Amino acid sequence: MIFKRGGVGRPYPDHGLTSRGGAAVPPRQVRLDDLVTTKDTLQLSSLLDEDSTFYGDLFAHVVLWRDEYYLEDGLHRALRAALQQRGVLHARVIRMEG
């Protein structure tokens, strides 16, 4: 299993961070098998594109809410890491109270 589980949608409230505010969060490693996805589809072009970024960010965005790590953006990066047999992903982790 690549991820802890797959999900559809974001169960957490809006964190209100802009792309600039999210970029201020320092990246850290997150285990792929700790992640819950928030999307159930992937654009193949995103997976194959070496330069794909979210608002210019090179890191995935993860929300920590109620002791769960939700992969908000960066499904293509997480799958690429899994295909390269890496068990971790560098991501900006946004901590929310819940």
C-alpha atoms as a PDB file:
ATOM      1  CA  MET A   1       0.000   0.000   0.000  1.00  0.00           C
ATOM      2  CA  ILE A   2       1.409   3.385  -0.987  1.00  0.00           C
ATOM      3  CA  PHE A   3      -0.791   5.612   1.202  1.00  0.00           C
ATOM      4  CA  LYS A   4      -2.501   5.139   4.550  1.00  0.00           C
ATOM      5  CA  ARG A   5      -5.805   5.405   2.694  1.00  0.00           C
ATOM      6  CA  GLY A   6      -7.452   7.163  -0.189  1.00  0.00           C
ATOM      7  CA  GLY A   7      -9.985   9.862   0.334  1.00  0.00           C
ATOM      8  CA  VAL A   8     -12.104  12.210  -1.724  1.00  0.00           C
ATOM      9  CA  GLY A   9     -12.285  15.814  -0.636  1.00  0.00           C
ATOM     10  CA  ARG A  10     -10.861  17.684   2.304  1.00  0.00           C
ATOM     11  CA  PRO A  11     -12.383  16.742   5.665  1.00  0.00           C
ATOM     12  CA  TYR A  12     -10.604  19.611   7.426  1.00  0.00           C
ATOM     13  CA  PRO A  13     -11.736  23.256   7.447  1.00  0.00           C
ATOM     14  CA  ASP A  14     -10.163  25.826   5.140  1.00  0.00           C
ATOM     15  CA  HIS A  15      -6.765  26.817   6.507  1.00  0.00           C
ATOM     16  CA  GLY A  16      -6.914  30.204   4.799  1.00  0.00           C
ATOM     17  CA  LEU A  17      -3.275  30.220   3.707  1.00  0.00           C
ATOM     18  CA  THR A  18      -2.397  31.860   0.439  1.00  0.00           C
ATOM     19  CA  SER A  19       0.340  30.430  -1.770  1.00  0.00           C
ATOM     20  CA  ARG A  20       2.748  32.947  -0.216  1.00  0.00           C
ATOM     21  CA  GLY A  21       1.694  31.981   3.313  1.00  0.00           C
ATOM     22  CA  GLY A  22       2.099  28.289   2.511  1.00  0.00           C
ATOM     23  CA  ALA A  23       5.556  28.930   1.093  1.00  0.00           C
ATOM     24  CA  ALA A  24       6.620  30.264   4.499  1.00  0.00           C
ATOM     25  CA  VAL A  25       6.103  26.803   6.038  1.00  0.00           C
ATOM     26  CA  PRO A  26       9.454  24.972   5.963  1.00  0.00           C
ATOM     27  CA  PRO A  27       9.390  21.622   4.143  1.00  0.00           C
ATOM     28  CA  ARG A  28      10.013  18.376   5.989  1.00  0.00           C
ATOM     29  CA  GLN A  29       9.854  14.679   5.239  1.00  0.00           C
ATOM     30  CA  VAL A  30       6.553  12.836   5.542  1.00  0.00           C
ATOM     31  CA  ARG A  31       6.171   9.082   5.162  1.00  0.00           C
ATOM     32  CA  LEU A  32       3.994   8.105   2.204  1.00  0.00           C
ATOM     33  CA  ASP A  33       2.217   5.438   4.249  1.00  0.00           C
ATOM     34  CA  ASP A  34       1.112   8.132   6.747  1.00  0.00           C
ATOM     35  CA  LEU A  35      -0.700  10.149   4.056  1.00  0.00           C
ATOM     36  CA  VAL A  36      -4.431  10.224   3.346  1.00  0.00           C
ATOM     37  CA  THR A  37      -5.159  11.491  -0.161  1.00  0.00           C
ATOM     38  CA  THR A  38      -7.771  14.184  -0.797  1.00  0.00           C
ATOM     39  CA  LYS A  39      -8.039  13.485  -4.540  1.00  0.00           C
ATOM     40  CA  ASP A  40      -9.041  10.282  -6.261  1.00  0.00           C
ATOM     41  CA  THR A  41      -7.777  11.163  -9.739  1.00  0.00           C
ATOM     42  CA  LEU A  42      -4.450  12.177 -11.174  1.00  0.00           C
ATOM     43  CA  GLN A  43      -3.662  14.006 -14.367  1.00  0.00           C
ATOM     44  CA  LEU A  44      -1.069  11.843 -16.096  1.00  0.00           C
ATOM     45  CA  SER A  45       0.552  14.977 -17.532  1.00  0.00           C
ATOM     46  CA  SER A  46       1.274  16.144 -13.954  1.00  0.00           C
ATOM     47  CA  LEU A  47       3.025  12.880 -13.155  1.00  0.00           C
ATOM     48  CA  LEU A  48       5.145  13.016 -16.294  1.00  0.00           C
ATOM     49  CA  ASP A  49       5.988  16.733 -16.143  1.00  0.00           C
ATOM     50  CA  GLU A  50       9.399  17.235 -14.504  1.00  0.00           C
ATOM     51  CA  ASP A  51       8.701  20.929 -13.829  1.00  0.00           C
ATOM     52  CA  SER A  52       5.130  20.734 -12.524  1.00  0.00           C
ATOM     53  CA  THR A  53       4.578  22.980  -9.524  1.00  0.00           C
ATOM     54  CA  PHE A  54       1.669  24.242  -7.433  1.00  0.00           C
ATOM     55  CA  TYR A  55       1.779  28.029  -7.615  1.00  0.00           C
ATOM     56  CA  GLY A  56       5.520  27.760  -8.225  1.00  0.00           C
ATOM     57  CA  ASP A  57       6.144  25.575  -5.158  1.00  0.00           C
ATOM     58  CA  LEU A  58       8.431  22.578  -5.507  1.00  0.00           C
ATOM     59  CA  PHE A  59       7.005  20.813  -2.437  1.00  0.00           C
ATOM     60  CA  ALA A  60       3.769  18.970  -1.795  1.00  0.00           C
ATOM     61  CA  HIS A  61       1.264  20.502   0.626  1.00  0.00           C
ATOM     62  CA  VAL A  62       0.064  18.384   3.544  1.00  0.00           C
ATOM     63  CA  VAL A  63      -2.432  19.328   6.264  1.00  0.00           C
ATOM     64  CA  LEU A  64      -2.049  17.780   9.721  1.00  0.00           C
ATOM     65  CA  TRP A  65      -5.519  17.698  11.224  1.00  0.00           C
ATOM     66  CA  ARG A  66      -6.808  15.437  14.022  1.00  0.00           C
ATOM     67  CA  ASP A  67      -3.578  13.422  13.967  1.00  0.00           C
ATOM     68  CA  GLU A  68      -3.963  12.616  10.245  1.00  0.00           C
ATOM     69  CA  TYR A  69      -1.732  13.799   7.407  1.00  0.00           C
ATOM     70  CA  TYR A  70      -3.870  14.843   4.431  1.00  0.00           C
ATOM     71  CA  LEU A  71      -2.153  15.264   1.069  1.00  0.00           C
ATOM     72  CA  GLU A  72      -3.778  18.503  -0.076  1.00  0.00           C
ATOM     73  CA  ASP A  73      -1.666  18.993  -3.190  1.00  0.00           C
ATOM     74  CA  GLY A  74       1.149  16.966  -4.693  1.00  0.00           C
ATOM     75  CA  LEU A  75      -0.413  13.603  -5.500  1.00  0.00           C
ATOM     76  CA  HIS A  76       1.782  13.449  -8.611  1.00  0.00           C
ATOM     77  CA  ARG A  77       4.901  14.060  -6.491  1.00  0.00           C
ATOM     78  CA  ALA A  78       3.896  11.361  -4.002  1.00  0.00           C
ATOM     79  CA  LEU A  79       3.265   8.823  -6.758  1.00  0.00           C
ATOM     80  CA  ARG A  80       6.544   9.720  -8.436  1.00  0.00           C
ATOM     81  CA  ALA A  81       8.342   9.123  -5.106  1.00  0.00           C
ATOM     82  CA  ALA A  82       6.607   5.744  -4.746  1.00  0.00           C
ATOM     83  CA  LEU A  83       7.545   4.746  -8.298  1.00  0.00           C
ATOM     84  CA  GLN A  84      11.153   5.603  -7.459  1.00  0.00           C
ATOM     85  CA  GLN A  85      10.821   3.338  -4.385  1.00  0.00           C
ATOM     86  CA  ARG A  86      11.186   6.173  -1.905  1.00  0.00           C
ATOM     87  CA  GLY A  87       9.082   5.924   1.230  1.00  0.00           C
ATOM     88  CA  VAL A  88       9.092   9.629   2.062  1.00  0.00           C
ATOM     89  CA  LEU A  89       8.018  12.869   0.441  1.00  0.00           C
ATOM     90  CA  HIS A  90       9.267  16.384   1.133  1.00  0.00           C
ATOM     91  CA  ALA A  91       6.233  18.506   1.945  1.00  0.00           C
ATOM     92  CA  ARG A  92       5.118  21.688   3.626  1.00  0.00           C
ATOM     93  CA  VAL A  93       3.022  20.498   6.583  1.00  0.00           C
ATOM     94  CA  ILE A  94       0.311  22.914   7.706  1.00  0.00           C
ATOM     95  CA  ARG A  95      -0.750  22.133  11.305  1.00  0.00           C
ATOM     96  CA  MET A  96      -4.378  22.771  12.151  1.00  0.00           C
ATOM     97  CA  GLU A  97      -6.187  22.313  15.435  1.00  0.00           C
ATOM     98  CA  GLY A  98      -9.107  19.958  15.258  1.00  0.00           C
END
